[in-house]
């Protein structure tokens, strides 16, 4: 999970765990996610939830890296759909 708001991150963790899944890692910034490397190489990562806008930038580079590794992801954001590239 990449989410810079700790309350939203906690809610997302609870939803994932209540659905019977395990949260491998929660990152609050791109830097914490290793510029995109950490989440995609974390053992057992089957899916990622990404906030589009975090304190230190947009999550698009991380999404590209996940896509290249064939790891599915979803954007969760307050951004308008027209602001998110295809």
Protein backbone atom coordinates (compact mmCIF):
# COMPACT_ATOMS: atom_id res chain seq x y z
CA UNK A 1 0.00 0.00 0.00
CA UNK A 2 1.30 3.45 -0.92
CA UNK A 3 -0.66 6.07 1.03
CA UNK A 4 0.62 9.20 2.74
CA UNK A 5 -2.40 9.77 5.00
CA UNK A 6 -1.93 7.47 8.02
CA UNK A 7 -5.67 7.24 8.73
CA UNK A 8 -6.49 6.20 5.17
CA UNK A 9 -3.57 3.74 5.25
CA UNK A 10 -4.97 2.17 8.43
CA UNK A 11 -8.42 1.89 6.83
CA UNK A 12 -6.95 0.26 3.72
CA UNK A 13 -4.99 -2.22 5.85
CA UNK A 14 -8.14 -3.12 7.75
CA UNK A 15 -10.12 -3.63 4.52
CA UNK A 16 -7.40 -5.81 3.01
CA UNK A 17 -7.06 -7.91 6.15
CA UNK A 18 -10.83 -8.21 6.65
CA UNK A 19 -10.97 -9.61 3.11
CA UNK A 20 -8.64 -12.42 4.17
CA UNK A 21 -5.42 -11.02 2.72
CA UNK A 22 -2.16 -9.96 4.31
CA UNK A 23 -0.60 -6.52 3.95
CA UNK A 24 3.06 -6.99 3.04
CA UNK A 25 4.09 -3.35 3.48
CA UNK A 26 2.72 0.17 3.87
CA UNK A 27 4.73 3.09 2.49
CA UNK A 28 3.87 6.73 3.10
CA UNK A 29 6.06 8.16 0.35
CA UNK A 30 7.82 7.29 -2.87
CA UNK A 31 11.13 7.60 -1.03
CA UNK A 32 9.95 5.05 1.54
CA UNK A 33 8.93 2.79 -1.34
CA UNK A 34 12.51 3.03 -2.60
CA UNK A 35 11.54 5.21 -5.51
CA UNK A 36 9.29 2.41 -6.68
CA UNK A 37 11.66 -0.49 -6.19
CA UNK A 38 10.71 -1.75 -2.73
CA UNK A 39 7.01 -2.48 -3.23
CA UNK A 40 7.57 -4.28 -6.49
CA UNK A 41 10.32 -6.49 -5.10
CA UNK A 42 8.78 -7.18 -1.70
CA UNK A 43 8.39 -10.96 -1.36
CA UNK A 44 4.82 -12.10 -1.76
CA UNK A 45 3.44 -8.93 -3.30
CA UNK A 46 0.49 -10.00 -5.43
CA UNK A 47 -1.27 -6.66 -5.72
CA UNK A 48 -0.66 -3.01 -4.81
CA UNK A 49 -2.94 -0.15 -3.83
CA UNK A 50 -1.50 3.24 -4.80
CA UNK A 51 -2.45 6.77 -3.89
CA UNK A 52 -1.79 8.91 -6.97
CA UNK A 53 -0.53 12.00 -5.12
CA UNK A 54 1.78 11.46 -2.18
CA UNK A 55 3.87 14.09 -0.39
CA UNK A 56 6.95 13.57 -2.58
CA UNK A 57 5.33 13.16 -5.99
CA UNK A 58 3.03 11.10 -8.16
CA UNK A 59 2.98 7.30 -7.99
CA UNK A 60 3.09 6.81 -11.78
CA UNK A 61 6.74 5.62 -11.86
CA UNK A 62 5.91 3.02 -9.21
CA UNK A 63 2.85 1.94 -11.21
CA UNK A 64 4.98 1.59 -14.34
CA UNK A 65 7.46 -0.60 -12.48
CA UNK A 66 4.68 -2.81 -11.11
CA UNK A 67 3.14 -3.06 -14.57
CA UNK A 68 6.51 -4.10 -16.05
CA UNK A 69 6.74 -6.86 -13.41
CA UNK A 70 3.14 -7.90 -14.14
CA UNK A 71 2.03 -7.07 -10.60
CA UNK A 72 -1.55 -5.79 -10.66
CA UNK A 73 -2.34 -2.52 -8.91
CA UNK A 74 -5.16 -0.05 -8.43
CA UNK A 75 -5.06 3.69 -7.93
CA UNK A 76 -7.00 4.96 -4.93
CA UNK A 77 -7.10 8.71 -4.98
CA UNK A 78 -9.08 11.86 -4.59
CA UNK A 79 -7.75 12.88 -8.01
CA UNK A 80 -10.26 13.25 -10.81
CA UNK A 81 -10.28 10.39 -13.32
CA UNK A 82 -9.33 12.77 -16.12
CA UNK A 83 -6.14 13.64 -14.18
CA UNK A 84 -4.98 10.00 -14.19
CA UNK A 85 -3.23 8.86 -17.38
CA UNK A 86 -4.51 5.78 -19.20
